[in-house]
Amino acid sequence: MRLVLTSSGIANKSIEDELRSIIGCDLNGLNMLFCTTASNYEGGDMNDWLIKDIETFKNLGFKIDICDINGIGIDNLLPRFEAADVLFFEGGNTQWLRKCIKDSGLESHLRRLLETRVWIGASAGSCVLCPTLCNSCQDLYDETLEGYPIDGLDIVDFQFMPHFNNEFFPSITRENIENASKDLKDEDGKKLYVVDDNGALFLNNDDFKIISEGEWFEI
């Protein structure tokens, strides 16, 4: 299974180079399913960096299928995922994305799809892979929605926190995370990786590494 968990997409050359390595072939002409669902929840300023991410991937040579999985039946949705070489899940609201993955029926197909495809997540698109979405650390993002799923996809066995020291996420500081992680470790016993917007976590089967041109830490 090949996973790329980013805070802010392909933010620098180091992440781009490792992406090329994990994909293992020329990016030009590869098919990408670009899921906008998490960002569609709020819209507004999110459209700026959504457009930027689309432009980044187009400049890398990907052929992009833009898809919002909300409200699309699995019979129509699945062929688009199966046609893709790379699945990119944009950032936004993590719990909304989780709900749509569940409601669409996509969840039951994901592990099979990821046997032969690369998942790239940005922010929410990375966090949704974790065991839980509501915990003492994740709640620092203040996006909890009553009645929405609190379980993650449990594709990875750790928690991932993006946007470390980002001015738009004032609660995501080292002090706050270290205090909150005490409850996380007691309740869930999960390892925690925290990256800023210049970092990404790469999983290539058993090979694990963090690529960063900024700051990151683990607990």
N, C-alpha and C. Protein backbone atom coordinates (compact mmCIF):
# COMPACT_ATOMS: atom_id res chain seq x y z
N MET A 1 0.84 -1.19 0.00
CA MET A 1 0.00 0.00 0.00
C MET A 1 0.88 1.25 0.00
N ARG A 2 0.58 2.17 -0.90
CA ARG A 2 1.37 3.39 -1.03
C ARG A 2 0.51 4.60 -0.68
N LEU A 3 0.90 5.29 0.38
CA LEU A 3 0.13 6.42 0.90
C LEU A 3 1.05 7.62 1.06
N VAL A 4 0.51 8.80 0.72
CA VAL A 4 1.22 10.05 0.92
C VAL A 4 0.32 10.98 1.72
N LEU A 5 0.68 11.24 2.97
CA LEU A 5 -0.11 12.09 3.85
C LEU A 5 0.57 13.44 3.95
N THR A 6 -0.04 14.45 3.38
CA THR A 6 0.55 15.79 3.37
C THR A 6 -0.29 16.74 4.20
N SER A 7 0.33 17.83 4.58
CA SER A 7 -0.40 18.91 5.23
C SER A 7 -1.02 19.84 4.20
N SER A 8 -0.27 20.13 3.15
CA SER A 8 -0.71 21.14 2.19
C SER A 8 -0.37 20.75 0.76
N GLY A 9 -0.53 19.47 0.44
CA GLY A 9 -0.29 19.03 -0.92
C GLY A 9 1.19 18.95 -1.26
N ILE A 10 1.49 19.06 -2.54
CA ILE A 10 2.88 18.95 -3.02
C ILE A 10 3.51 20.33 -2.89
N ALA A 11 3.95 20.63 -1.67
CA ALA A 11 4.30 21.99 -1.29
C ALA A 11 5.72 22.40 -1.66
N ASN A 12 6.57 21.45 -1.98
CA ASN A 12 7.96 21.79 -2.28
C ASN A 12 8.61 20.69 -3.12
N LYS A 13 9.84 20.97 -3.55
CA LYS A 13 10.54 20.05 -4.45
C LYS A 13 10.87 18.73 -3.76
N SER A 14 11.16 18.75 -2.46
CA SER A 14 11.49 17.52 -1.75
C SER A 14 10.31 16.56 -1.76
N ILE A 15 9.10 17.07 -1.52
CA ILE A 15 7.91 16.23 -1.55
C ILE A 15 7.64 15.75 -2.97
N GLU A 16 7.82 16.64 -3.95
CA GLU A 16 7.62 16.24 -5.34
C GLU A 16 8.56 15.12 -5.74
N ASP A 17 9.82 15.22 -5.35
CA ASP A 17 10.80 14.19 -5.72
C ASP A 17 10.45 12.84 -5.09
N GLU A 18 10.01 12.87 -3.82
CA GLU A 18 9.65 11.61 -3.16
C GLU A 18 8.38 11.03 -3.76
N LEU A 19 7.47 11.91 -4.19
CA LEU A 19 6.25 11.44 -4.87
C LEU A 19 6.62 10.69 -6.15
N ARG A 20 7.53 11.23 -6.91
CA ARG A 20 7.98 10.54 -8.13
C ARG A 20 8.57 9.18 -7.78
N SER A 21 9.31 9.14 -6.68
CA SER A 21 9.94 7.89 -6.28
C SER A 21 8.91 6.84 -5.87
N ILE A 22 7.90 7.24 -5.11
CA ILE A 22 6.93 6.27 -4.61
C ILE A 22 6.00 5.79 -5.73
N ILE A 23 5.74 6.66 -6.71
CA ILE A 23 4.92 6.24 -7.85
C ILE A 23 5.72 5.34 -8.78
N GLY A 24 6.98 5.65 -8.94
CA GLY A 24 7.89 4.73 -9.63
C GLY A 24 7.84 4.75 -11.13
N CYS A 25 7.24 5.79 -11.71
CA CYS A 25 7.22 5.90 -13.16
C CYS A 25 7.00 7.37 -13.51
N ASP A 26 7.08 7.66 -14.80
CA ASP A 26 6.86 9.02 -15.26
C ASP A 26 5.44 9.46 -14.91
N LEU A 27 5.32 10.65 -14.33
CA LEU A 27 3.99 11.14 -13.95
C LEU A 27 3.17 11.60 -15.15
N ASN A 28 3.82 11.95 -16.21
CA ASN A 28 3.14 12.50 -17.36
C ASN A 28 2.14 11.51 -17.96
N GLY A 29 0.88 11.91 -17.99
CA GLY A 29 -0.17 11.06 -18.57
C GLY A 29 -0.86 10.15 -17.58
N LEU A 30 -0.39 10.11 -16.31
CA LEU A 30 -1.07 9.28 -15.32
C LEU A 30 -2.44 9.86 -14.99
N ASN A 31 -3.40 8.99 -14.72
CA ASN A 31 -4.75 9.40 -14.41
C ASN A 31 -4.90 9.64 -12.90
N MET A 32 -5.43 10.81 -12.55
CA MET A 32 -5.67 11.15 -11.15
C MET A 32 -7.15 11.41 -10.91
N LEU A 33 -7.71 10.74 -9.90
CA LEU A 33 -9.03 11.08 -9.39
C LEU A 33 -8.84 12.13 -8.32
N PHE A 34 -9.31 13.34 -8.55
CA PHE A 34 -9.11 14.47 -7.66
C PHE A 34 -10.41 14.72 -6.91
N CYS A 35 -10.47 14.30 -5.65
CA CYS A 35 -11.70 14.39 -4.86
C CYS A 35 -11.75 15.72 -4.12
N THR A 36 -12.76 16.51 -4.42
CA THR A 36 -12.91 17.86 -3.84
C THR A 36 -13.87 17.90 -2.66
N THR A 37 -14.38 16.78 -2.24
CA THR A 37 -15.51 16.73 -1.29
C THR A 37 -15.25 17.48 0.01
N ALA A 38 -14.09 17.29 0.62
CA ALA A 38 -13.83 17.94 1.91
C ALA A 38 -13.84 19.45 1.78
N SER A 39 -13.30 19.97 0.69
CA SER A 39 -13.24 21.42 0.51
C SER A 39 -14.60 22.01 0.14
N ASN A 40 -15.46 21.21 -0.46
CA ASN A 40 -16.78 21.71 -0.86
C ASN A 40 -17.68 22.02 0.32
N TYR A 41 -17.35 21.49 1.50
CA TYR A 41 -18.21 21.70 2.66
C TYR A 41 -18.33 23.17 3.02
N GLU A 42 -17.22 23.90 2.91
CA GLU A 42 -17.23 25.30 3.30
C GLU A 42 -17.05 26.24 2.11
N GLY A 43 -16.29 25.83 1.11
CA GLY A 43 -16.10 26.68 -0.06
C GLY A 43 -15.30 27.93 0.28
N GLY A 44 -15.64 29.06 -0.35
CA GLY A 44 -14.98 30.32 -0.05
C GLY A 44 -13.50 30.30 -0.39
N ASP A 45 -12.67 30.70 0.60
CA ASP A 45 -11.23 30.80 0.38
C ASP A 45 -10.60 29.45 0.02
N MET A 46 -11.29 28.36 0.39
CA MET A 46 -10.74 27.04 0.08
C MET A 46 -10.57 26.85 -1.42
N ASN A 47 -11.39 27.55 -2.19
CA ASN A 47 -11.29 27.39 -3.64
C ASN A 47 -9.94 27.87 -4.18
N ASP A 48 -9.30 28.82 -3.46
CA ASP A 48 -8.02 29.32 -3.93
C ASP A 48 -6.97 28.22 -3.94
N TRP A 49 -6.84 27.49 -2.80
CA TRP A 49 -5.80 26.47 -2.77
C TRP A 49 -6.23 25.19 -3.47
N LEU A 50 -7.55 24.99 -3.64
CA LEU A 50 -8.00 23.86 -4.45
C LEU A 50 -7.56 24.05 -5.89
N ILE A 51 -7.77 25.27 -6.41
CA ILE A 51 -7.35 25.58 -7.78
C ILE A 51 -5.83 25.46 -7.91
N LYS A 52 -5.11 25.93 -6.90
CA LYS A 52 -3.65 25.84 -6.91
C LYS A 52 -3.19 24.39 -6.97
N ASP A 53 -3.84 23.51 -6.19
CA ASP A 53 -3.46 22.09 -6.21
C ASP A 53 -3.75 21.45 -7.56
N ILE A 54 -4.88 21.80 -8.16
CA ILE A 54 -5.18 21.28 -9.50
C ILE A 54 -4.11 21.71 -10.49
N GLU A 55 -3.72 22.97 -10.43
CA GLU A 55 -2.69 23.48 -11.34
C GLU A 55 -1.35 22.78 -11.10
N THR A 56 -1.02 22.53 -9.82
CA THR A 56 0.23 21.83 -9.51
C THR A 56 0.27 20.45 -10.16
N PHE A 57 -0.82 19.70 -10.00
CA PHE A 57 -0.85 18.34 -10.56
C PHE A 57 -0.90 18.35 -12.08
N LYS A 58 -1.59 19.34 -12.66
CA LYS A 58 -1.59 19.43 -14.13
C LYS A 58 -0.19 19.73 -14.63
N ASN A 59 0.54 20.61 -13.93
CA ASN A 59 1.91 20.94 -14.34
C ASN A 59 2.84 19.75 -14.19
N LEU A 60 2.51 18.82 -13.29
CA LEU A 60 3.30 17.61 -13.14
C LEU A 60 2.98 16.57 -14.21
N GLY A 61 1.90 16.82 -14.96
CA GLY A 61 1.59 15.94 -16.09
C GLY A 61 0.39 15.03 -15.89
N PHE A 62 -0.28 15.12 -14.74
CA PHE A 62 -1.43 14.25 -14.49
C PHE A 62 -2.62 14.63 -15.36
N LYS A 63 -3.39 13.63 -15.76
CA LYS A 63 -4.71 13.83 -16.36
C LYS A 63 -5.73 13.72 -15.24
N ILE A 64 -6.49 14.78 -15.01
CA ILE A 64 -7.26 14.92 -13.78
C ILE A 64 -8.75 14.77 -14.02
N ASP A 65 -9.37 13.91 -13.23
CA ASP A 65 -10.83 13.76 -13.16
C ASP A 65 -11.27 14.35 -11.84
N ILE A 66 -11.92 15.53 -11.87
CA ILE A 66 -12.37 16.20 -10.65
C ILE A 66 -13.70 15.60 -10.22
N CYS A 67 -13.77 15.18 -8.96
CA CYS A 67 -14.94 14.43 -8.51
C CYS A 67 -15.33 14.83 -7.08
N ASP A 68 -16.61 15.11 -6.89
CA ASP A 68 -17.18 15.26 -5.56
C ASP A 68 -18.01 14.01 -5.30
N ILE A 69 -17.61 13.19 -4.34
CA ILE A 69 -18.28 11.91 -4.14
C ILE A 69 -19.62 12.04 -3.45
N ASN A 70 -19.96 13.22 -2.94
CA ASN A 70 -21.22 13.42 -2.25
C ASN A 70 -22.40 13.27 -3.21
N GLY A 71 -23.26 12.29 -2.93
CA GLY A 71 -24.48 12.13 -3.70
C GLY A 71 -24.33 11.33 -4.98
N ILE A 72 -23.14 10.80 -5.26
CA ILE A 72 -22.94 9.98 -6.45
C ILE A 72 -23.02 8.51 -6.07
N GLY A 73 -23.84 7.76 -6.74
CA GLY A 73 -23.99 6.34 -6.44
C GLY A 73 -22.73 5.57 -6.76
N ILE A 74 -22.52 4.49 -6.04
CA ILE A 74 -21.29 3.72 -6.19
C ILE A 74 -21.15 3.14 -7.59
N ASP A 75 -22.25 2.84 -8.26
CA ASP A 75 -22.16 2.28 -9.61
C ASP A 75 -21.55 3.28 -10.59
N ASN A 76 -21.80 4.56 -10.37
CA ASN A 76 -21.21 5.59 -11.22
C ASN A 76 -19.84 6.02 -10.70
N LEU A 77 -19.65 5.93 -9.40
CA LEU A 77 -18.42 6.41 -8.77
C LEU A 77 -17.25 5.46 -8.97
N LEU A 78 -17.50 4.17 -8.77
CA LEU A 78 -16.42 3.20 -8.74
C LEU A 78 -15.61 3.13 -10.04
N PRO A 79 -16.24 3.15 -11.22
CA PRO A 79 -15.44 3.10 -12.45
C PRO A 79 -14.46 4.26 -12.57
N ARG A 80 -14.80 5.41 -12.02
CA ARG A 80 -13.90 6.56 -12.09
C ARG A 80 -12.68 6.33 -11.19
N PHE A 81 -12.89 5.71 -10.04
CA PHE A 81 -11.77 5.39 -9.15
C PHE A 81 -10.91 4.28 -9.75
N GLU A 82 -11.55 3.32 -10.37
CA GLU A 82 -10.80 2.21 -10.96
C GLU A 82 -9.98 2.65 -12.16
N ALA A 83 -10.40 3.72 -12.83
CA ALA A 83 -9.67 4.23 -13.99
C ALA A 83 -8.45 5.05 -13.58
N ALA A 84 -8.33 5.39 -12.30
CA ALA A 84 -7.26 6.27 -11.83
C ALA A 84 -6.02 5.48 -11.42
N ASP A 85 -4.87 6.10 -11.63
CA ASP A 85 -3.61 5.57 -11.12
C ASP A 85 -3.32 6.13 -9.73
N VAL A 86 -3.78 7.35 -9.49
CA VAL A 86 -3.53 8.06 -8.24
C VAL A 86 -4.85 8.66 -7.75
N LEU A 87 -5.09 8.54 -6.45
CA LEU A 87 -6.28 9.12 -5.82
C LEU A 87 -5.82 10.28 -4.95
N PHE A 88 -6.30 11.48 -5.26
CA PHE A 88 -5.96 12.64 -4.43
C PHE A 88 -7.21 13.13 -3.71
N PHE A 89 -7.11 13.20 -2.39
CA PHE A 89 -8.22 13.70 -1.57
C PHE A 89 -7.83 15.05 -0.98
N GLU A 90 -8.53 16.06 -1.43
CA GLU A 90 -8.25 17.44 -1.04
C GLU A 90 -8.62 17.70 0.42
N GLY A 91 -8.07 18.77 0.98
CA GLY A 91 -8.36 19.14 2.35
C GLY A 91 -9.70 19.85 2.50
N GLY A 92 -10.04 20.13 3.74
CA GLY A 92 -11.31 20.77 4.06
C GLY A 92 -11.84 20.23 5.38
N ASN A 93 -13.09 19.83 5.40
CA ASN A 93 -13.69 19.31 6.62
C ASN A 93 -13.56 17.79 6.67
N THR A 94 -12.82 17.32 7.66
CA THR A 94 -12.50 15.89 7.74
C THR A 94 -13.73 15.03 7.98
N GLN A 95 -14.59 15.46 8.88
CA GLN A 95 -15.75 14.62 9.21
C GLN A 95 -16.77 14.59 8.08
N TRP A 96 -16.89 15.68 7.34
CA TRP A 96 -17.78 15.66 6.18
C TRP A 96 -17.25 14.68 5.13
N LEU A 97 -15.94 14.72 4.90
CA LEU A 97 -15.34 13.78 3.96
C LEU A 97 -15.57 12.35 4.42
N ARG A 98 -15.37 12.10 5.70
CA ARG A 98 -15.57 10.74 6.24
C ARG A 98 -17.00 10.28 6.02
N LYS A 99 -17.96 11.15 6.29
CA LYS A 99 -19.37 10.80 6.10
C LYS A 99 -19.67 10.46 4.64
N CYS A 100 -19.12 11.25 3.73
CA CYS A 100 -19.39 11.02 2.31
C CYS A 100 -18.74 9.73 1.81
N ILE A 101 -17.55 9.41 2.33
CA ILE A 101 -16.92 8.14 1.96
C ILE A 101 -17.79 6.98 2.43
N LYS A 102 -18.33 7.10 3.64
CA LYS A 102 -19.19 6.05 4.17
C LYS A 102 -20.50 5.96 3.37
N ASP A 103 -21.16 7.09 3.18
CA ASP A 103 -22.48 7.10 2.54
C ASP A 103 -22.42 6.70 1.07
N SER A 104 -21.30 6.99 0.42
CA SER A 104 -21.19 6.69 -1.02
C SER A 104 -21.02 5.20 -1.31
N GLY A 105 -20.61 4.43 -0.29
CA GLY A 105 -20.30 3.02 -0.52
C GLY A 105 -18.86 2.79 -0.92
N LEU A 106 -18.09 3.88 -1.03
CA LEU A 106 -16.71 3.77 -1.47
C LEU A 106 -15.83 3.05 -0.45
N GLU A 107 -16.18 3.18 0.83
CA GLU A 107 -15.34 2.65 1.89
C GLU A 107 -15.03 1.17 1.72
N SER A 108 -16.01 0.40 1.33
CA SER A 108 -15.81 -1.05 1.23
C SER A 108 -14.89 -1.44 0.08
N HIS A 109 -14.59 -0.50 -0.81
CA HIS A 109 -13.73 -0.79 -1.97
C HIS A 109 -12.32 -0.21 -1.81
N LEU A 110 -12.10 0.62 -0.79
CA LEU A 110 -10.85 1.38 -0.73
C LEU A 110 -9.62 0.50 -0.60
N ARG A 111 -9.64 -0.48 0.29
CA ARG A 111 -8.45 -1.31 0.48
C ARG A 111 -8.09 -2.06 -0.79
N ARG A 112 -9.09 -2.52 -1.52
CA ARG A 112 -8.80 -3.19 -2.81
C ARG A 112 -8.21 -2.19 -3.79
N LEU A 113 -8.77 -1.00 -3.86
CA LEU A 113 -8.26 0.02 -4.78
C LEU A 113 -6.82 0.39 -4.46
N LEU A 114 -6.51 0.44 -3.17
CA LEU A 114 -5.18 0.87 -2.76
C LEU A 114 -4.12 -0.22 -2.92
N GLU A 115 -4.52 -1.40 -3.31
CA GLU A 115 -3.52 -2.43 -3.63
C GLU A 115 -2.70 -2.05 -4.85
N THR A 116 -3.29 -1.25 -5.75
CA THR A 116 -2.61 -0.92 -7.00
C THR A 116 -2.59 0.58 -7.30
N ARG A 117 -3.03 1.39 -6.37
CA ARG A 117 -3.08 2.84 -6.58
C ARG A 117 -2.44 3.58 -5.42
N VAL A 118 -2.01 4.79 -5.70
CA VAL A 118 -1.41 5.65 -4.67
C VAL A 118 -2.47 6.61 -4.15
N TRP A 119 -2.58 6.70 -2.84
CA TRP A 119 -3.45 7.70 -2.20
C TRP A 119 -2.58 8.88 -1.79
N ILE A 120 -2.95 10.08 -2.23
CA ILE A 120 -2.34 11.31 -1.75
C ILE A 120 -3.41 12.11 -1.03
N GLY A 121 -3.16 12.46 0.21
CA GLY A 121 -4.10 13.26 0.97
C GLY A 121 -3.50 14.61 1.31
N ALA A 122 -4.34 15.64 1.32
CA ALA A 122 -3.94 16.95 1.82
C ALA A 122 -4.83 17.26 3.02
N SER A 123 -4.23 17.48 4.18
CA SER A 123 -4.95 17.86 5.38
C SER A 123 -6.07 16.86 5.69
N ALA A 124 -7.33 17.23 5.50
CA ALA A 124 -8.45 16.31 5.78
C ALA A 124 -8.31 15.01 5.00
N GLY A 125 -7.79 15.10 3.80
CA GLY A 125 -7.60 13.92 2.97
C GLY A 125 -6.53 12.98 3.51
N SER A 126 -5.71 13.47 4.44
CA SER A 126 -4.76 12.63 5.16
C SER A 126 -5.35 12.15 6.48
N CYS A 127 -5.97 13.08 7.22
CA CYS A 127 -6.50 12.74 8.55
C CYS A 127 -7.57 11.65 8.50
N VAL A 128 -8.32 11.60 7.40
CA VAL A 128 -9.42 10.65 7.31
C VAL A 128 -8.93 9.20 7.30
N LEU A 129 -7.65 8.99 7.00
CA LEU A 129 -7.09 7.64 6.99
C LEU A 129 -6.82 7.11 8.39
N CYS A 130 -6.85 7.97 9.39
CA CYS A 130 -6.44 7.61 10.75
C CYS A 130 -7.52 6.80 11.48
N PRO A 131 -7.17 6.23 12.64
CA PRO A 131 -8.15 5.41 13.37
C PRO A 131 -9.37 6.20 13.87
N THR A 132 -9.16 7.43 14.36
CA THR A 132 -10.28 8.21 14.87
C THR A 132 -10.19 9.65 14.37
N LEU A 133 -11.35 10.31 14.27
CA LEU A 133 -11.42 11.69 13.83
C LEU A 133 -11.76 12.63 14.97
N CYS A 134 -12.33 12.11 16.03
CA CYS A 134 -12.63 12.90 17.22
C CYS A 134 -11.79 12.35 18.36
N ASN A 135 -10.76 13.07 18.74
CA ASN A 135 -9.93 12.70 19.87
C ASN A 135 -9.33 13.98 20.44
N SER A 136 -8.59 13.88 21.49
CA SER A 136 -8.11 15.07 22.19
C SER A 136 -7.21 15.95 21.32
N CYS A 137 -6.54 15.35 20.34
CA CYS A 137 -5.68 16.12 19.45
C CYS A 137 -6.46 16.66 18.24
N GLN A 138 -7.19 15.78 17.57
CA GLN A 138 -7.94 16.19 16.38
C GLN A 138 -8.95 17.28 16.71
N ASP A 139 -9.48 17.27 17.93
CA ASP A 139 -10.48 18.26 18.31
C ASP A 139 -9.90 19.67 18.39
N LEU A 140 -8.57 19.80 18.38
CA LEU A 140 -7.96 21.13 18.36
C LEU A 140 -8.31 21.89 17.08
N TYR A 141 -8.69 21.17 16.03
CA TYR A 141 -9.08 21.84 14.80
C TYR A 141 -10.48 22.44 14.88
N ASP A 142 -11.22 22.08 15.91
CA ASP A 142 -12.54 22.67 16.18
C ASP A 142 -13.50 22.50 15.00
N GLU A 143 -13.54 21.31 14.41
CA GLU A 143 -14.44 21.07 13.29
C GLU A 143 -15.45 19.97 13.59
N THR A 144 -15.57 19.56 14.87
CA THR A 144 -16.47 18.48 15.23
C THR A 144 -17.91 18.83 14.86
N LEU A 145 -18.57 17.92 14.19
CA LEU A 145 -19.95 18.11 13.78
C LEU A 145 -20.82 17.06 14.45
N GLU A 146 -21.80 17.50 15.19
CA GLU A 146 -22.66 16.57 15.92
C GLU A 146 -23.38 15.64 14.94
N GLY A 147 -23.33 14.35 15.24
CA GLY A 147 -24.01 13.38 14.41
C GLY A 147 -23.18 12.84 13.26
N TYR A 148 -21.95 13.33 13.12
CA TYR A 148 -21.08 12.85 12.05
C TYR A 148 -20.19 11.73 12.57
N PRO A 149 -19.61 10.93 11.69
CA PRO A 149 -18.76 9.83 12.15
C PRO A 149 -17.56 10.34 12.95
N ILE A 150 -17.19 9.60 13.98
CA ILE A 150 -16.01 9.94 14.75
C ILE A 150 -14.87 8.94 14.49
N ASP A 151 -15.19 7.86 13.80
CA ASP A 151 -14.16 6.89 13.45
C ASP A 151 -13.53 7.26 12.11
N GLY A 152 -12.22 7.05 12.00
CA GLY A 152 -11.56 7.23 10.72
C GLY A 152 -11.63 5.95 9.89
N LEU A 153 -10.96 5.96 8.77
CA LEU A 153 -10.94 4.78 7.90
C LEU A 153 -10.03 3.69 8.44
N ASP A 154 -9.17 4.03 9.38
CA ASP A 154 -8.28 3.06 10.04
C ASP A 154 -7.37 2.36 9.02
N ILE A 155 -6.97 3.12 8.02
CA ILE A 155 -6.03 2.59 7.03
C ILE A 155 -4.61 2.61 7.60
N VAL A 156 -4.32 3.62 8.43
CA VAL A 156 -3.03 3.69 9.13
C VAL A 156 -3.29 3.52 10.63
N ASP A 157 -2.25 3.15 11.37
CA ASP A 157 -2.42 2.86 12.79
C ASP A 157 -1.85 3.96 13.68
N PHE A 158 -1.88 5.19 13.18
CA PHE A 158 -1.40 6.35 13.94
C PHE A 158 -2.29 7.55 13.63
N GLN A 159 -2.08 8.62 14.38
CA GLN A 159 -2.81 9.87 14.13
C GLN A 159 -1.88 10.84 13.42
N PHE A 160 -2.44 11.61 12.51
CA PHE A 160 -1.68 12.56 11.69
C PHE A 160 -2.28 13.95 11.90
N MET A 161 -1.42 14.91 12.21
CA MET A 161 -1.88 16.28 12.41
C MET A 161 -1.15 17.22 11.45
N PRO A 162 -1.88 17.86 10.55
CA PRO A 162 -1.28 18.82 9.62
C PRO A 162 -1.34 20.25 10.18
N HIS A 163 -0.76 21.18 9.42
CA HIS A 163 -0.85 22.62 9.68
C HIS A 163 -0.22 23.07 10.99
N PHE A 164 0.85 22.38 11.39
CA PHE A 164 1.59 22.81 12.57
C PHE A 164 2.09 24.25 12.38
N ASN A 165 1.80 25.10 13.36
CA ASN A 165 2.23 26.51 13.36
C ASN A 165 1.69 27.32 12.18
N ASN A 166 0.58 26.89 11.62
CA ASN A 166 -0.08 27.66 10.56
C ASN A 166 -0.93 28.76 11.21
N GLU A 167 -0.81 30.00 10.71
CA GLU A 167 -1.50 31.13 11.33
C GLU A 167 -3.02 30.98 11.29
N PHE A 168 -3.52 30.19 10.35
CA PHE A 168 -4.97 30.01 10.25
C PHE A 168 -5.49 28.92 11.20
N PHE A 169 -4.56 28.23 11.87
CA PHE A 169 -4.91 27.21 12.85
C PHE A 169 -4.17 27.52 14.15
N PRO A 170 -4.60 28.56 14.85
CA PRO A 170 -3.85 29.05 16.02
C PRO A 170 -3.74 28.05 17.16
N SER A 171 -4.61 27.05 17.20
CA SER A 171 -4.56 26.06 18.29
C SER A 171 -3.54 24.96 18.03
N ILE A 172 -3.03 24.88 16.79
CA ILE A 172 -2.13 23.78 16.44
C ILE A 172 -0.69 24.20 16.75
N THR A 173 -0.40 24.31 18.04
CA THR A 173 0.94 24.63 18.52
C THR A 173 1.51 23.42 19.25
N ARG A 174 2.81 23.41 19.41
CA ARG A 174 3.44 22.27 20.07
C ARG A 174 2.93 22.11 21.50
N GLU A 175 2.79 23.20 22.22
CA GLU A 175 2.32 23.12 23.61
C GLU A 175 0.93 22.52 23.69
N ASN A 176 0.02 23.01 22.85
CA ASN A 176 -1.35 22.48 22.87
C ASN A 176 -1.40 21.01 22.47
N ILE A 177 -0.61 20.64 21.47
CA ILE A 177 -0.61 19.25 21.00
C ILE A 177 -0.03 18.32 22.06
N GLU A 178 1.05 18.73 22.69
CA GLU A 178 1.65 17.89 23.72
C GLU A 178 0.70 17.70 24.90
N ASN A 179 -0.02 18.74 25.27
CA ASN A 179 -1.00 18.61 26.35
C ASN A 179 -2.14 17.69 25.95
N ALA A 180 -2.65 17.87 24.74
CA ALA A 180 -3.77 17.07 24.26
C ALA A 180 -3.38 15.62 24.03
N SER A 181 -2.13 15.39 23.65
CA SER A 181 -1.70 14.03 23.31
C SER A 181 -1.64 13.13 24.53
N LYS A 182 -1.58 13.72 25.73
CA LYS A 182 -1.58 12.89 26.94
C LYS A 182 -2.87 12.09 27.03
N ASP A 183 -3.99 12.72 26.71
CA ASP A 183 -5.26 12.00 26.70
C ASP A 183 -5.33 11.01 25.54
N LEU A 184 -4.78 11.41 24.40
CA LEU A 184 -4.80 10.52 23.23
C LEU A 184 -4.06 9.22 23.54
N LYS A 185 -2.89 9.34 24.15
CA LYS A 185 -2.10 8.14 24.46
C LYS A 185 -2.81 7.27 25.49
N ASP A 186 -3.46 7.89 26.47
CA ASP A 186 -4.17 7.13 27.50
C ASP A 186 -5.39 6.42 26.93
N GLU A 187 -6.13 7.11 26.05
CA GLU A 187 -7.39 6.57 25.54
C GLU A 187 -7.19 5.64 24.35
N ASP A 188 -6.33 6.04 23.42
CA ASP A 188 -6.18 5.30 22.16
C ASP A 188 -4.84 4.59 22.03
N GLY A 189 -3.84 5.07 22.77
CA GLY A 189 -2.52 4.48 22.67
C GLY A 189 -1.87 4.65 21.31
N LYS A 190 -2.27 5.70 20.57
CA LYS A 190 -1.78 5.86 19.20
C LYS A 190 -0.57 6.78 19.13
N LYS A 191 0.32 6.45 18.22
CA LYS A 191 1.44 7.33 17.92
C LYS A 191 0.90 8.52 17.13
N LEU A 192 1.57 9.66 17.26
CA LEU A 192 1.10 10.90 16.65
C LEU A 192 2.23 11.54 15.86
N TYR A 193 1.94 11.91 14.61
CA TYR A 193 2.89 12.63 13.77
C TYR A 193 2.30 14.00 13.45
N VAL A 194 3.12 15.04 13.64
CA VAL A 194 2.69 16.41 13.43
C VAL A 194 3.61 17.05 12.40
N VAL A 195 3.04 17.62 11.34
CA VAL A 195 3.85 18.25 10.29
C VAL A 195 3.31 19.64 9.97
N ASP A 196 4.21 20.51 9.54
CA ASP A 196 3.76 21.81 9.07
C ASP A 196 3.43 21.71 7.58
N ASP A 197 3.17 22.85 6.96
CA ASP A 197 2.70 22.83 5.57
C ASP A 197 3.79 22.53 4.56
N ASN A 198 5.01 22.28 5.02
CA ASN A 198 6.10 21.90 4.14
C ASN A 198 6.52 20.46 4.33
N GLY A 199 5.65 19.66 4.95
CA GLY A 199 6.01 18.28 5.24
C GLY A 199 5.00 17.28 4.73
N ALA A 200 5.44 16.02 4.63
CA ALA A 200 4.57 14.93 4.20
C ALA A 200 5.11 13.62 4.75
N LEU A 201 4.20 12.72 4.99
CA LEU A 201 4.54 11.38 5.48
C LEU A 201 4.30 10.39 4.34
N PHE A 202 5.30 9.57 4.04
CA PHE A 202 5.22 8.61 2.95
C PHE A 202 5.26 7.19 3.49
N LEU A 203 4.30 6.38 3.06
CA LEU A 203 4.28 4.96 3.38
C LEU A 203 4.29 4.18 2.07
N ASN A 204 5.33 3.37 1.92
CA ASN A 204 5.45 2.51 0.74
C ASN A 204 5.58 1.08 1.24
N ASN A 205 4.43 0.43 1.44
CA ASN A 205 4.38 -0.88 2.07
C ASN A 205 5.03 -0.79 3.46
N ASP A 206 6.16 -1.40 3.68
CA ASP A 206 6.80 -1.35 4.99
C ASP A 206 7.77 -0.18 5.15
N ASP A 207 7.99 0.56 4.09
CA ASP A 207 8.93 1.68 4.13
C ASP A 207 8.20 2.94 4.56
N PHE A 208 8.70 3.57 5.62
CA PHE A 208 8.05 4.74 6.21
C PHE A 208 9.07 5.87 6.30
N LYS A 209 8.69 7.07 5.85
CA LYS A 209 9.59 8.21 6.01
C LYS A 209 8.79 9.51 6.02
N ILE A 210 9.35 10.52 6.66
CA ILE A 210 8.80 11.86 6.63
C ILE A 210 9.75 12.74 5.84
N ILE A 211 9.20 13.43 4.84
CA ILE A 211 9.96 14.35 4.01
C ILE A 211 9.51 15.76 4.36
N SER A 212 10.45 16.61 4.72
CA SER A 212 10.05 17.94 5.18
C SER A 212 11.12 18.97 4.86
N GLU A 213 10.66 20.14 4.44
CA GLU A 213 11.51 21.32 4.34
C GLU A 213 11.15 22.32 5.43
N GLY A 214 10.39 21.84 6.42
CA GLY A 214 9.96 22.70 7.51
C GLY A 214 10.17 22.02 8.85
N GLU A 215 9.10 22.05 9.70
CA GLU A 215 9.17 21.48 11.04
C GLU A 215 8.18 20.34 11.19
N TRP A 216 8.57 19.32 11.92
CA TRP A 216 7.67 18.23 12.27
C TRP A 216 8.17 17.58 13.54
N PHE A 217 7.29 16.85 14.21
CA PHE A 217 7.70 16.07 15.37
C PHE A 217 6.73 14.92 15.57
N GLU A 218 7.15 13.98 16.39
CA GLU A 218 6.29 12.84 16.70
C GLU A 218 6.18 12.68 18.20
N ILE A 219 5.08 12.09 18.62
CA ILE A 219 4.84 11.81 20.05
C ILE A 219 4.44 10.36 20.20
